[in-house]
N, C-alpha and C. Protein backbone atom coordinates (compact mmCIF):
# COMPACT_ATOMS: atom_id res chain seq x y z
N MET A 1 0.86 -1.27 -0.01
CA MET A 1 -0.06 0.08 -0.07
C MET A 1 0.90 1.18 0.03
N VAL A 2 0.72 2.16 -1.01
CA VAL A 2 1.47 3.25 -1.20
C VAL A 2 0.71 4.46 -0.71
N THR A 3 1.20 5.19 0.31
CA THR A 3 0.41 6.36 0.74
C THR A 3 1.29 7.56 0.52
N THR A 4 0.76 8.58 -0.13
CA THR A 4 1.43 9.81 -0.37
C THR A 4 0.92 10.77 0.51
N PHE A 5 1.90 11.56 1.01
CA PHE A 5 1.58 12.58 2.07
C PHE A 5 2.44 13.76 1.85
N LEU A 6 2.06 14.93 2.34
CA LEU A 6 2.88 16.07 2.21
C LEU A 6 3.87 16.21 3.47
N THR A 7 5.07 16.75 3.10
CA THR A 7 6.06 17.07 4.06
C THR A 7 6.80 18.31 3.79
N LEU A 8 7.63 18.75 4.68
CA LEU A 8 8.32 20.21 4.64
C LEU A 8 7.15 21.20 4.59
N GLY A 9 6.26 21.11 5.49
CA GLY A 9 5.26 22.11 5.57
C GLY A 9 4.30 22.10 4.36
N GLY A 10 4.05 20.98 3.80
CA GLY A 10 3.09 20.77 2.69
C GLY A 10 3.59 21.22 1.44
N ARG A 11 4.94 21.32 1.37
CA ARG A 11 5.52 21.78 0.00
C ARG A 11 5.98 20.56 -0.84
N VAL A 12 6.33 19.40 -0.23
CA VAL A 12 6.70 18.26 -0.92
C VAL A 12 5.90 16.99 -0.77
N GLN A 13 5.49 16.39 -1.85
CA GLN A 13 4.61 15.16 -1.77
C GLN A 13 5.61 14.06 -1.98
N CYS A 14 5.31 13.01 -1.00
CA CYS A 14 6.16 11.86 -1.15
C CYS A 14 5.46 10.69 -0.68
N THR A 15 6.12 9.45 -0.85
CA THR A 15 5.42 8.30 -0.36
C THR A 15 5.77 8.00 1.12
N GLN A 16 4.96 7.51 1.90
CA GLN A 16 5.11 7.06 3.26
C GLN A 16 5.84 5.87 3.31
N CYS A 17 6.78 5.64 4.39
CA CYS A 17 7.42 4.42 4.59
C CYS A 17 6.38 3.46 5.04
N ASN A 18 6.44 2.33 4.56
CA ASN A 18 5.40 1.09 4.87
C ASN A 18 5.90 0.13 5.92
N ALA A 19 7.00 0.46 6.71
CA ALA A 19 7.50 -0.40 7.70
C ALA A 19 6.55 -0.24 8.97
N LEU A 20 6.28 -1.49 9.53
CA LEU A 20 5.39 -1.58 10.55
C LEU A 20 6.21 -1.89 11.92
N SER A 21 5.71 -1.26 12.94
CA SER A 21 6.17 -1.44 14.30
C SER A 21 5.64 -2.83 14.84
N LYS A 22 6.70 -3.64 15.35
CA LYS A 22 6.19 -4.95 15.79
C LYS A 22 5.33 -4.81 17.27
N ARG A 23 5.65 -3.80 17.98
CA ARG A 23 4.95 -3.67 19.19
C ARG A 23 3.51 -3.08 19.01
N SER A 24 3.42 -1.96 18.33
CA SER A 24 2.20 -1.21 18.20
C SER A 24 1.46 -1.41 16.88
N ARG A 25 2.08 -2.15 15.92
CA ARG A 25 1.51 -2.29 14.53
C ARG A 25 1.14 -1.02 13.88
N GLN A 26 1.78 0.01 14.17
CA GLN A 26 1.53 1.20 13.48
C GLN A 26 2.63 1.51 12.43
N ARG A 27 2.26 2.27 11.37
CA ARG A 27 3.14 2.43 10.36
C ARG A 27 4.15 3.57 10.69
N CYS A 28 5.38 3.41 10.08
CA CYS A 28 6.40 4.57 10.27
C CYS A 28 5.78 5.77 9.69
N GLN A 29 6.10 6.86 10.27
CA GLN A 29 5.57 8.14 9.81
C GLN A 29 6.61 8.98 8.95
N ALA A 30 7.76 8.38 8.68
CA ALA A 30 8.79 9.05 7.94
C ALA A 30 8.54 8.87 6.48
N PRO A 31 9.09 9.77 5.74
CA PRO A 31 8.95 9.63 4.30
C PRO A 31 9.88 8.67 3.59
N ALA A 32 9.36 7.83 2.66
CA ALA A 32 10.32 6.89 2.03
C ALA A 32 11.26 7.46 1.06
N ILE A 33 12.38 6.83 0.94
CA ILE A 33 13.41 7.32 -0.04
C ILE A 33 12.82 7.22 -1.47
N LYS A 34 13.20 8.21 -2.29
CA LYS A 34 12.55 8.41 -3.62
C LYS A 34 12.73 7.11 -4.45
N GLY A 35 11.67 6.53 -4.84
CA GLY A 35 11.67 5.29 -5.64
C GLY A 35 11.70 4.06 -4.92
N LYS A 36 11.56 4.20 -3.66
CA LYS A 36 11.53 3.03 -2.65
C LYS A 36 10.34 3.07 -1.77
N THR A 37 10.17 1.99 -1.00
CA THR A 37 8.89 2.02 -0.09
C THR A 37 9.36 2.08 1.36
N LYS A 38 10.57 2.14 1.71
CA LYS A 38 11.13 2.38 3.01
C LYS A 38 11.88 3.57 3.18
N CYS A 39 11.91 4.08 4.44
CA CYS A 39 12.64 5.36 4.82
C CYS A 39 14.14 4.91 5.02
N ARG A 40 14.87 5.98 5.33
CA ARG A 40 16.21 5.71 5.71
C ARG A 40 16.51 4.86 6.91
N PHE A 41 15.63 4.92 7.82
CA PHE A 41 15.73 4.24 9.14
C PHE A 41 15.42 2.80 8.90
N HIS A 42 14.60 2.39 8.01
CA HIS A 42 14.15 1.03 7.73
C HIS A 42 14.73 0.15 6.51
N GLY A 43 15.88 0.78 6.07
CA GLY A 43 16.51 0.11 4.98
C GLY A 43 16.29 0.63 3.53
N GLY A 44 15.81 1.76 3.43
CA GLY A 44 15.62 2.38 2.03
C GLY A 44 16.83 2.56 1.25
N ARG A 45 17.91 2.88 2.00
CA ARG A 45 19.16 3.05 1.25
C ARG A 45 19.89 1.77 0.93
N SER A 46 19.45 0.70 1.59
CA SER A 46 20.16 -0.52 1.35
C SER A 46 20.04 -1.07 -0.12
N THR A 47 21.08 -1.46 -0.79
CA THR A 47 21.11 -1.90 -2.04
C THR A 47 21.22 -3.45 -2.08
N GLY A 48 21.52 -4.07 -0.98
CA GLY A 48 21.54 -5.43 -0.83
C GLY A 48 22.95 -5.84 -1.27
N ALA A 49 23.32 -7.18 -1.22
CA ALA A 49 24.57 -7.76 -1.73
C ALA A 49 24.63 -7.84 -3.13
N LYS A 50 25.62 -7.38 -3.77
CA LYS A 50 25.72 -7.36 -5.26
C LYS A 50 26.56 -8.46 -5.75
N THR A 51 27.58 -8.91 -5.11
CA THR A 51 28.49 -9.92 -5.59
C THR A 51 28.04 -11.35 -5.12
N ALA A 52 28.50 -12.37 -5.66
CA ALA A 52 28.15 -13.72 -5.40
C ALA A 52 28.69 -14.01 -3.91
N GLU A 53 29.87 -13.51 -3.71
CA GLU A 53 30.47 -13.69 -2.40
C GLU A 53 29.58 -13.08 -1.24
N GLY A 54 29.12 -11.92 -1.51
CA GLY A 54 28.24 -11.21 -0.61
C GLY A 54 27.03 -11.89 -0.35
N ARG A 55 26.39 -12.46 -1.46
CA ARG A 55 25.19 -13.16 -1.19
C ARG A 55 25.44 -14.53 -0.57
N ALA A 56 26.52 -15.08 -0.67
CA ALA A 56 26.88 -16.30 0.04
C ALA A 56 27.06 -16.12 1.33
N ARG A 57 27.73 -14.98 1.84
CA ARG A 57 27.89 -14.54 3.07
C ARG A 57 26.64 -14.29 3.93
N ILE A 58 25.64 -13.59 3.21
CA ILE A 58 24.34 -13.49 3.83
C ILE A 58 23.67 -14.76 4.06
N ALA A 59 23.71 -15.70 3.14
CA ALA A 59 23.01 -16.98 3.30
C ALA A 59 23.60 -17.79 4.43
N ALA A 60 25.00 -17.70 4.54
CA ALA A 60 25.69 -18.45 5.55
C ALA A 60 25.34 -17.81 6.98
N ALA A 61 25.10 -16.51 7.07
CA ALA A 61 24.86 -15.92 8.37
C ALA A 61 23.37 -15.81 8.61
N HIS A 62 22.54 -16.31 7.72
CA HIS A 62 21.05 -16.17 8.01
C HIS A 62 20.52 -16.96 9.21
N THR A 63 19.96 -16.16 10.08
CA THR A 63 19.35 -16.82 11.28
C THR A 63 17.90 -16.67 11.50
N VAL A 64 17.28 -17.39 12.24
CA VAL A 64 15.81 -17.12 12.48
C VAL A 64 15.62 -16.52 13.82
N HIS A 65 15.13 -15.39 13.93
CA HIS A 65 14.86 -14.58 15.13
C HIS A 65 16.25 -14.29 15.82
N GLY A 66 17.30 -14.51 15.15
CA GLY A 66 18.60 -14.09 15.59
C GLY A 66 19.13 -15.13 16.64
N ARG A 67 18.37 -16.30 16.95
CA ARG A 67 18.83 -17.15 17.98
C ARG A 67 19.55 -18.36 17.49
N GLU A 68 19.30 -18.93 16.39
CA GLU A 68 19.93 -20.08 16.03
C GLU A 68 20.19 -20.22 14.40
N THR A 69 21.17 -20.91 14.27
CA THR A 69 21.56 -21.17 12.84
C THR A 69 21.36 -22.65 12.45
N ARG A 70 21.47 -22.99 11.22
CA ARG A 70 21.33 -24.32 10.75
C ARG A 70 22.41 -25.32 11.50
N ALA A 71 23.57 -24.79 11.71
CA ALA A 71 24.67 -25.34 12.24
C ALA A 71 24.28 -25.72 13.70
N LYS A 72 23.79 -24.77 14.46
CA LYS A 72 23.42 -24.96 15.84
C LYS A 72 22.27 -25.93 15.94
N ARG A 73 21.25 -25.84 15.15
CA ARG A 73 20.25 -26.98 15.10
C ARG A 73 20.93 -28.40 14.87
N ALA A 74 21.77 -28.46 13.94
CA ALA A 74 22.37 -29.80 13.66
C ALA A 74 23.24 -30.34 14.99
N GLU A 75 23.88 -29.40 15.46
CA GLU A 75 24.69 -29.62 16.63
C GLU A 75 23.76 -30.05 17.84
N ARG A 76 22.60 -29.44 18.01
CA ARG A 76 21.78 -29.74 19.07
C ARG A 76 21.10 -31.23 18.71
N SER A 77 20.74 -31.34 17.57
CA SER A 77 20.10 -32.67 17.22
C SER A 77 21.06 -33.86 17.50
N ALA A 78 22.32 -33.59 17.04
CA ALA A 78 23.38 -34.65 17.26
C ALA A 78 23.50 -34.96 18.74
N LYS A 79 23.57 -33.84 19.60
CA LYS A 79 23.80 -33.98 21.00
C LYS A 79 22.55 -34.69 21.61
N LEU A 80 21.26 -34.42 21.20
CA LEU A 80 20.16 -35.05 21.77
C LEU A 80 20.23 -36.46 21.34
N ALA A 81 20.54 -36.72 20.05
CA ALA A 81 20.62 -38.21 19.67
C ALA A 81 21.58 -38.97 20.47
N GLU A 82 22.66 -38.40 20.87
CA GLU A 82 23.67 -39.05 21.69
C GLU A 82 23.15 -39.26 22.97
N LEU A 83 22.54 -38.22 23.65
CA LEU A 83 21.80 -38.40 24.97
C LEU A 83 20.71 -39.45 24.99
N HIS A 84 20.01 -39.65 23.95
CA HIS A 84 19.07 -40.69 23.73
C HIS A 84 19.64 -41.97 23.80
N GLU A 85 20.82 -42.19 23.03
CA GLU A 85 21.46 -43.45 22.99
C GLU A 85 22.08 -43.70 24.39
N LEU A 86 22.63 -42.77 25.20
CA LEU A 86 23.20 -43.00 26.50
C LEU A 86 22.05 -43.41 27.49
N GLU A 87 20.87 -42.85 27.29
CA GLU A 87 19.70 -43.12 28.24
C GLU A 87 19.26 -44.57 27.82
N MET A 88 19.15 -45.00 26.59
CA MET A 88 18.82 -46.29 26.20
C MET A 88 19.80 -47.35 26.75
N LEU A 89 21.14 -47.04 26.72
CA LEU A 89 22.18 -47.87 27.23
C LEU A 89 21.97 -47.97 28.76
N GLY A 90 21.86 -46.86 29.52
CA GLY A 90 21.53 -46.85 30.95
C GLY A 90 20.46 -47.78 31.29
N ARG A 91 19.28 -47.72 30.49
CA ARG A 91 18.14 -48.47 30.84
C ARG A 91 18.48 -49.97 30.54
N LYS A 92 19.21 -50.15 29.44
CA LYS A 92 19.45 -51.59 29.22
C LYS A 92 20.34 -52.23 30.24
N LEU A 93 21.33 -51.45 30.85
CA LEU A 93 22.07 -51.99 31.79
C LEU A 93 21.54 -51.89 33.30
N GLY A 94 20.22 -51.35 33.31
CA GLY A 94 19.57 -51.34 34.61
C GLY A 94 20.01 -50.12 35.48
N MET A 95 20.73 -49.27 35.04
CA MET A 95 21.13 -47.94 35.77
C MET A 95 19.95 -47.00 35.80
N ILE A 96 19.12 -47.09 34.87
CA ILE A 96 17.96 -46.09 34.95
C ILE A 96 16.73 -46.77 34.83
N SER A 97 15.72 -46.39 35.67
CA SER A 97 14.52 -47.07 35.74
C SER A 97 13.39 -46.01 35.50
N GLY A 98 12.13 -46.43 35.50
CA GLY A 98 11.03 -45.60 35.51
C GLY A 98 10.68 -45.12 34.02
N THR A 99 9.80 -44.28 33.93
CA THR A 99 9.28 -44.00 32.65
C THR A 99 10.14 -42.91 32.05
N MET A 100 10.06 -42.80 30.75
CA MET A 100 10.88 -41.83 30.05
C MET A 100 10.10 -40.45 30.03
N VAL A 101 10.79 -39.30 30.45
CA VAL A 101 10.16 -37.99 30.52
C VAL A 101 9.86 -37.57 29.22
N GLY A 102 8.75 -36.98 28.85
CA GLY A 102 8.44 -36.32 27.72
C GLY A 102 8.17 -37.32 26.53
N LEU A 103 8.04 -38.59 26.77
CA LEU A 103 7.74 -39.60 25.68
C LEU A 103 6.41 -40.11 25.78
N ASP A 104 5.77 -39.96 24.81
CA ASP A 104 4.28 -40.49 24.77
C ASP A 104 4.33 -41.61 23.70
N LEU A 105 4.37 -42.77 24.20
CA LEU A 105 4.72 -44.11 23.38
C LEU A 105 3.26 -44.71 23.07
N ALA A 106 3.16 -45.01 21.75
CA ALA A 106 2.08 -45.78 21.27
C ALA A 106 2.42 -47.21 21.54
N LYS A 107 1.43 -48.06 21.46
CA LYS A 107 1.70 -49.52 21.89
C LYS A 107 2.78 -50.16 20.93
N ASP A 108 2.83 -49.82 19.70
CA ASP A 108 3.80 -50.47 18.82
C ASP A 108 5.26 -49.88 19.08
N ASP A 109 5.23 -48.63 19.49
CA ASP A 109 6.60 -47.92 19.86
C ASP A 109 6.95 -48.55 21.15
N PHE A 110 6.15 -48.83 22.08
CA PHE A 110 6.46 -49.34 23.38
C PHE A 110 7.12 -50.74 23.23
N ALA A 111 6.46 -51.57 22.22
CA ALA A 111 7.08 -52.84 21.90
C ALA A 111 8.58 -52.76 21.36
N VAL A 112 8.78 -51.69 20.57
CA VAL A 112 10.06 -51.61 20.06
C VAL A 112 11.03 -51.17 21.08
N LEU A 113 10.56 -50.26 22.06
CA LEU A 113 11.35 -49.95 23.29
C LEU A 113 11.67 -51.14 24.10
N GLN A 114 10.68 -51.95 24.41
CA GLN A 114 10.92 -53.16 25.26
C GLN A 114 11.90 -54.10 24.57
N GLY A 115 11.71 -54.28 23.10
CA GLY A 115 12.69 -55.11 22.53
C GLY A 115 14.05 -54.56 22.59
N PHE A 116 14.27 -53.25 22.54
CA PHE A 116 15.55 -52.60 22.62
C PHE A 116 16.17 -52.89 24.19
N LEU A 117 15.41 -52.67 25.15
CA LEU A 117 15.76 -52.81 26.54
C LEU A 117 16.16 -54.22 26.87
N THR A 118 15.50 -55.10 26.30
CA THR A 118 15.66 -56.70 26.61
C THR A 118 16.93 -57.21 25.54
N GLY A 119 17.17 -56.43 24.64
CA GLY A 119 18.34 -56.94 23.81
C GLY A 119 17.67 -57.56 22.44
N ASN A 120 16.46 -57.68 22.26
CA ASN A 120 15.89 -58.30 21.20
C ASN A 120 15.41 -57.31 20.19
N GLN A 121 16.52 -56.89 19.31
CA GLN A 121 16.21 -55.81 18.48
C GLN A 121 15.79 -56.33 17.08
């Protein structure tokens, strides 16, 4: 949605920045850069990566919500798999007993788990 409004005391007509606030969901009140839809505060001056190396650097650094990358997800998955294997070994050796926390087993899954614990894989 492009909104034109007057600025500089009504002497200049321009488009309004269409960036939204995450908190209040209000549109930015600043004028957009000429030929763009964002103001200088919200990336209107950005041209983006031009070279193949620059685009590769952006793809490698891409994060979701700034908290984790693909590498961190893969590392966490590997650690959880290792932890699961250690827990299964502890159960097989009788060092760990009781129900598994956070595990909702169906009947066929329970049979597979019982087979693993008894050594009949």
